[in-house]
Amino acid sequence: MKEKLIELEKIYSSFSEKAKGYKAGQACQKGCAFCCAKAGSIDITTLEGLRIRKALNVLAKKQQKSFAKTLHQEMKKREKEKIVPCPFLMKSKACIIYNVRPFSCRRIYSNHICTSQKPPEVNRHVMDIAGKSIKALQQLDDTGYSGHLSYILHMLDTPAFLDTYLNGDFKPREIMVFGKSHKIIINKMML
């Protein structure tokens, strides 16, 4: 798993380097949280979820319980098809997991300040580069899954699923009902 986490960083770095020129002059700055609050879906791979989960495990127990509760509430709201802010967005509009944020957060930016009437504007070349990076992420995490952050983290909090995943096993039937109802994608099928 350690090797995969190193490869994950390489995919992130490669995307950043290739997209840098296109993202010059972006309107996004610290404190801008339009996409974090209004974008809708923050999809991650299981590998990214594992990385986020590890970062959360070093927080104080009180914070861990608070995030577990927030994630559960966010999951329930999503099941009712509501758009809700990212559970890791703090009141200060800062991201508590910024250093381990998933690719879906890394790829998004805008050429202008966003509003509900004026959503993010992204260069199509960046979207093409991002598409290739997503494919690389899914290939890297070929025994894992992709889906909304709260659902993937929920799966990783299920001991049976976590053990299966960490052992490199692949048992999609075990999450079939949950996976279908929450639009979880099987990465191996995407390849």
Protein backbone atom coordinates (compact mmCIF):
# COMPACT_ATOMS: atom_id res chain seq x y z
CA MET A 1 0.00 0.00 0.00
CA LYS A 2 2.95 2.28 0.75
CA GLU A 3 4.09 2.06 -2.89
CA LYS A 4 0.61 2.95 -4.11
CA LEU A 5 0.53 6.03 -1.87
CA ILE A 6 3.87 7.12 -3.36
CA GLU A 7 2.42 6.64 -6.87
CA LEU A 8 -0.64 8.63 -5.84
CA GLU A 9 1.60 11.60 -4.99
CA LYS A 10 3.29 11.26 -8.39
CA ILE A 11 -0.09 11.45 -10.16
CA TYR A 12 -0.97 14.57 -8.17
CA SER A 13 2.41 16.17 -8.95
CA SER A 14 2.23 15.28 -12.63
CA PHE A 15 -1.22 16.84 -12.92
CA SER A 16 -0.10 20.02 -11.12
CA GLU A 17 2.93 20.39 -13.37
CA LYS A 18 1.00 19.79 -16.61
CA ALA A 19 -1.90 22.08 -15.63
CA LYS A 20 0.22 24.88 -14.11
CA GLY A 21 0.38 27.04 -17.23
CA TYR A 22 -3.35 26.80 -17.86
CA LYS A 23 -4.18 27.64 -14.25
CA ALA A 24 -2.07 30.81 -14.16
CA GLY A 25 -4.24 33.74 -13.16
CA GLN A 26 -6.91 31.60 -11.53
CA ALA A 27 -9.37 33.40 -9.29
CA CYS A 28 -9.22 30.78 -6.52
CA GLN A 29 -7.50 31.89 -3.34
CA LYS A 30 -7.37 30.91 0.29
CA GLY A 31 -10.83 31.44 1.79
CA CYS A 32 -12.69 30.86 -1.48
CA ALA A 33 -14.91 27.88 -0.81
CA PHE A 34 -17.57 28.05 -3.52
CA CYS A 35 -16.69 24.63 -4.93
CA CYS A 36 -16.39 23.13 -1.44
CA ALA A 37 -19.87 24.30 -0.53
CA LYS A 38 -21.80 24.35 -3.81
CA ALA A 39 -20.14 22.02 -6.32
CA GLY A 40 -22.10 18.95 -5.31
CA SER A 41 -19.95 15.85 -5.45
CA ILE A 42 -16.43 15.32 -4.16
CA ASP A 43 -15.50 11.95 -5.60
CA ILE A 44 -12.47 10.01 -4.40
CA THR A 45 -10.87 6.62 -4.89
CA THR A 46 -10.57 4.14 -2.06
CA LEU A 47 -6.82 4.79 -1.96
CA GLU A 48 -7.43 8.52 -1.48
CA GLY A 49 -9.96 7.67 1.22
CA LEU A 50 -7.37 5.55 3.00
CA ARG A 51 -4.95 8.48 2.90
CA ILE A 52 -7.59 10.87 4.29
CA ARG A 53 -8.58 8.34 6.94
CA LYS A 54 -4.94 8.08 8.11
CA ALA A 55 -4.74 11.86 8.40
CA LEU A 56 -7.96 11.94 10.44
CA ASN A 57 -6.69 9.20 12.77
CA VAL A 58 -3.94 11.49 14.09
CA LEU A 59 -6.46 14.12 15.20
CA ALA A 60 -7.64 14.32 18.80
CA LYS A 61 -10.35 11.74 19.64
CA LYS A 62 -12.90 14.53 20.12
CA GLN A 63 -12.22 15.84 16.60
CA GLN A 64 -12.39 12.32 15.18
CA LYS A 65 -15.82 11.78 16.75
CA SER A 66 -16.99 15.15 15.47
CA PHE A 67 -15.92 14.33 11.90
CA ALA A 68 -17.48 10.87 12.10
CA LYS A 69 -20.77 12.49 13.12
CA THR A 70 -20.49 15.16 10.40
CA LEU A 71 -19.71 12.55 7.74
CA HIS A 72 -22.69 10.45 8.81
CA GLN A 73 -25.00 13.48 8.68
CA GLU A 74 -23.62 14.51 5.30
CA MET A 75 -24.16 10.99 3.96
CA LYS A 76 -27.80 11.02 5.10
CA LYS A 77 -28.40 14.41 3.43
CA ARG A 78 -26.82 13.16 0.21
CA GLU A 79 -29.11 10.15 0.29
CA LYS A 80 -31.95 12.67 0.11
CA GLU A 81 -30.18 14.22 -2.92
CA LYS A 82 -29.32 17.47 -1.16
CA ILE A 83 -26.23 19.46 -2.05
CA VAL A 84 -24.28 19.98 1.14
CA PRO A 85 -20.89 21.54 1.89
CA CYS A 86 -17.86 19.30 2.19
CA PRO A 87 -17.72 17.87 5.71
CA PHE A 88 -14.08 19.01 5.98
CA LEU A 89 -14.85 22.66 5.26
CA MET A 90 -14.42 24.66 8.46
CA LYS A 91 -16.36 27.79 9.41
CA SER A 92 -13.29 29.83 8.46
CA LYS A 93 -13.68 28.41 4.91
CA ALA A 94 -10.41 26.52 5.30
CA CYS A 95 -10.05 22.82 4.56
CA ILE A 96 -9.07 20.63 7.50
CA ILE A 97 -7.62 17.99 5.11
CA TYR A 98 -6.03 20.39 2.61
CA ASN A 99 -2.65 18.61 2.59
CA VAL A 100 -4.30 15.26 1.80
CA ARG A 101 -7.23 16.59 -0.23
CA PRO A 102 -8.37 14.27 -3.02
CA PHE A 103 -7.80 14.78 -6.72
CA SER A 104 -11.33 16.06 -7.29
CA CYS A 105 -10.39 19.06 -5.11
CA ARG A 106 -6.94 19.47 -6.65
CA ARG A 107 -8.24 19.64 -10.21
CA ILE A 108 -10.97 22.21 -9.67
CA TYR A 109 -10.32 25.91 -10.09
CA SER A 110 -11.91 28.83 -11.88
CA ASN A 111 -10.78 31.63 -14.14
CA HIS A 112 -13.24 33.97 -12.37
CA ILE A 113 -14.79 34.43 -8.95
CA CYS A 114 -17.72 32.03 -8.74
CA THR A 115 -21.33 32.64 -7.80
CA SER A 116 -24.47 30.54 -8.18
CA GLN A 117 -25.16 32.35 -11.45
CA LYS A 118 -21.54 32.08 -12.58
CA PRO A 119 -20.17 28.59 -11.79
CA PRO A 120 -16.47 27.69 -12.13
CA GLU A 121 -14.86 28.19 -15.52
CA VAL A 122 -12.15 25.64 -16.22
CA ASN A 123 -9.85 25.47 -19.23
CA ARG A 124 -10.69 22.46 -21.41
CA HIS A 125 -7.01 21.46 -21.56
CA VAL A 126 -7.01 21.16 -17.77
CA MET A 127 -10.12 18.98 -17.99
CA ASP A 128 -8.36 16.74 -20.54
CA ILE A 129 -5.30 16.44 -18.28
CA ALA A 130 -7.61 15.76 -15.31
CA GLY A 131 -9.41 13.01 -17.23
CA LYS A 132 -6.11 11.22 -17.84
CA SER A 133 -5.17 11.65 -14.18
CA ILE A 134 -8.49 10.16 -13.05
CA LYS A 135 -7.89 7.14 -15.27
CA ALA A 136 -4.39 6.77 -13.76
CA LEU A 137 -5.88 6.99 -10.25
CA GLN A 138 -8.40 4.26 -11.03
CA GLN A 139 -5.70 2.05 -12.57
CA LEU A 140 -3.51 2.56 -9.51
CA ASP A 141 -6.43 1.64 -7.23
CA ASP A 142 -7.61 -1.26 -9.38
CA THR A 143 -8.95 -3.32 -6.45
CA GLY A 144 -10.72 -0.28 -5.06
CA TYR A 145 -13.70 1.90 -5.82
CA SER A 146 -14.57 5.49 -6.70
CA GLY A 147 -17.45 7.49 -5.31
CA HIS A 148 -18.44 10.36 -3.10
CA LEU A 149 -16.04 11.08 -0.25
CA SER A 150 -18.50 10.33 2.57
CA TYR A 151 -19.52 6.97 1.08
CA ILE A 152 -15.95 5.80 0.45
CA LEU A 153 -14.91 6.85 3.98
CA HIS A 154 -17.97 5.02 5.33
CA MET A 155 -16.88 1.87 3.50
CA LEU A 156 -13.35 2.20 4.91
CA ASP A 157 -14.82 2.47 8.42
CA THR A 158 -16.40 -0.96 7.91
CA PRO A 159 -13.83 -3.45 9.28
CA ALA A 160 -14.68 -6.26 6.84
CA PHE A 161 -14.33 -3.96 3.83
CA LEU A 162 -11.16 -2.34 5.15
CA ASP A 163 -9.51 -5.74 5.75
CA THR A 164 -10.50 -6.94 2.28
CA TYR A 165 -9.11 -3.79 0.69
CA LEU A 166 -5.86 -3.72 2.69
CA ASN A 167 -5.23 -7.38 1.83
CA GLY A 168 -5.51 -6.54 -1.87
CA ASP A 169 -8.61 -8.69 -2.25
CA PHE A 170 -11.43 -7.72 -4.54
CA LYS A 171 -14.99 -8.60 -3.50
CA PRO A 172 -17.44 -6.23 -5.21
CA ARG A 173 -20.43 -8.44 -4.37
CA GLU A 174 -19.94 -7.55 -0.69
CA ILE A 175 -20.73 -3.90 -1.36
CA MET A 176 -23.15 -4.40 -4.25
CA VAL A 177 -26.32 -3.10 -2.54
CA PHE A 178 -24.55 -0.16 -0.90
CA GLY A 179 -22.51 0.47 -4.05
CA LYS A 180 -25.48 0.59 -6.41
CA SER A 181 -27.58 2.78 -4.14
CA HIS A 182 -24.71 5.26 -3.65
CA LYS A 183 -23.31 5.27 -7.20
CA ILE A 184 -20.02 3.65 -6.24
CA ILE A 185 -17.89 2.75 -9.28
CA ILE A 186 -15.73 -0.38 -9.33
CA ASN A 187 -12.34 0.84 -10.54
CA LYS A 188 -11.46 -2.53 -12.08
CA MET A 189 -14.55 -2.25 -14.29
CA MET A 190 -13.52 1.25 -15.43
CA LEU A 191 -10.19 0.02 -16.80
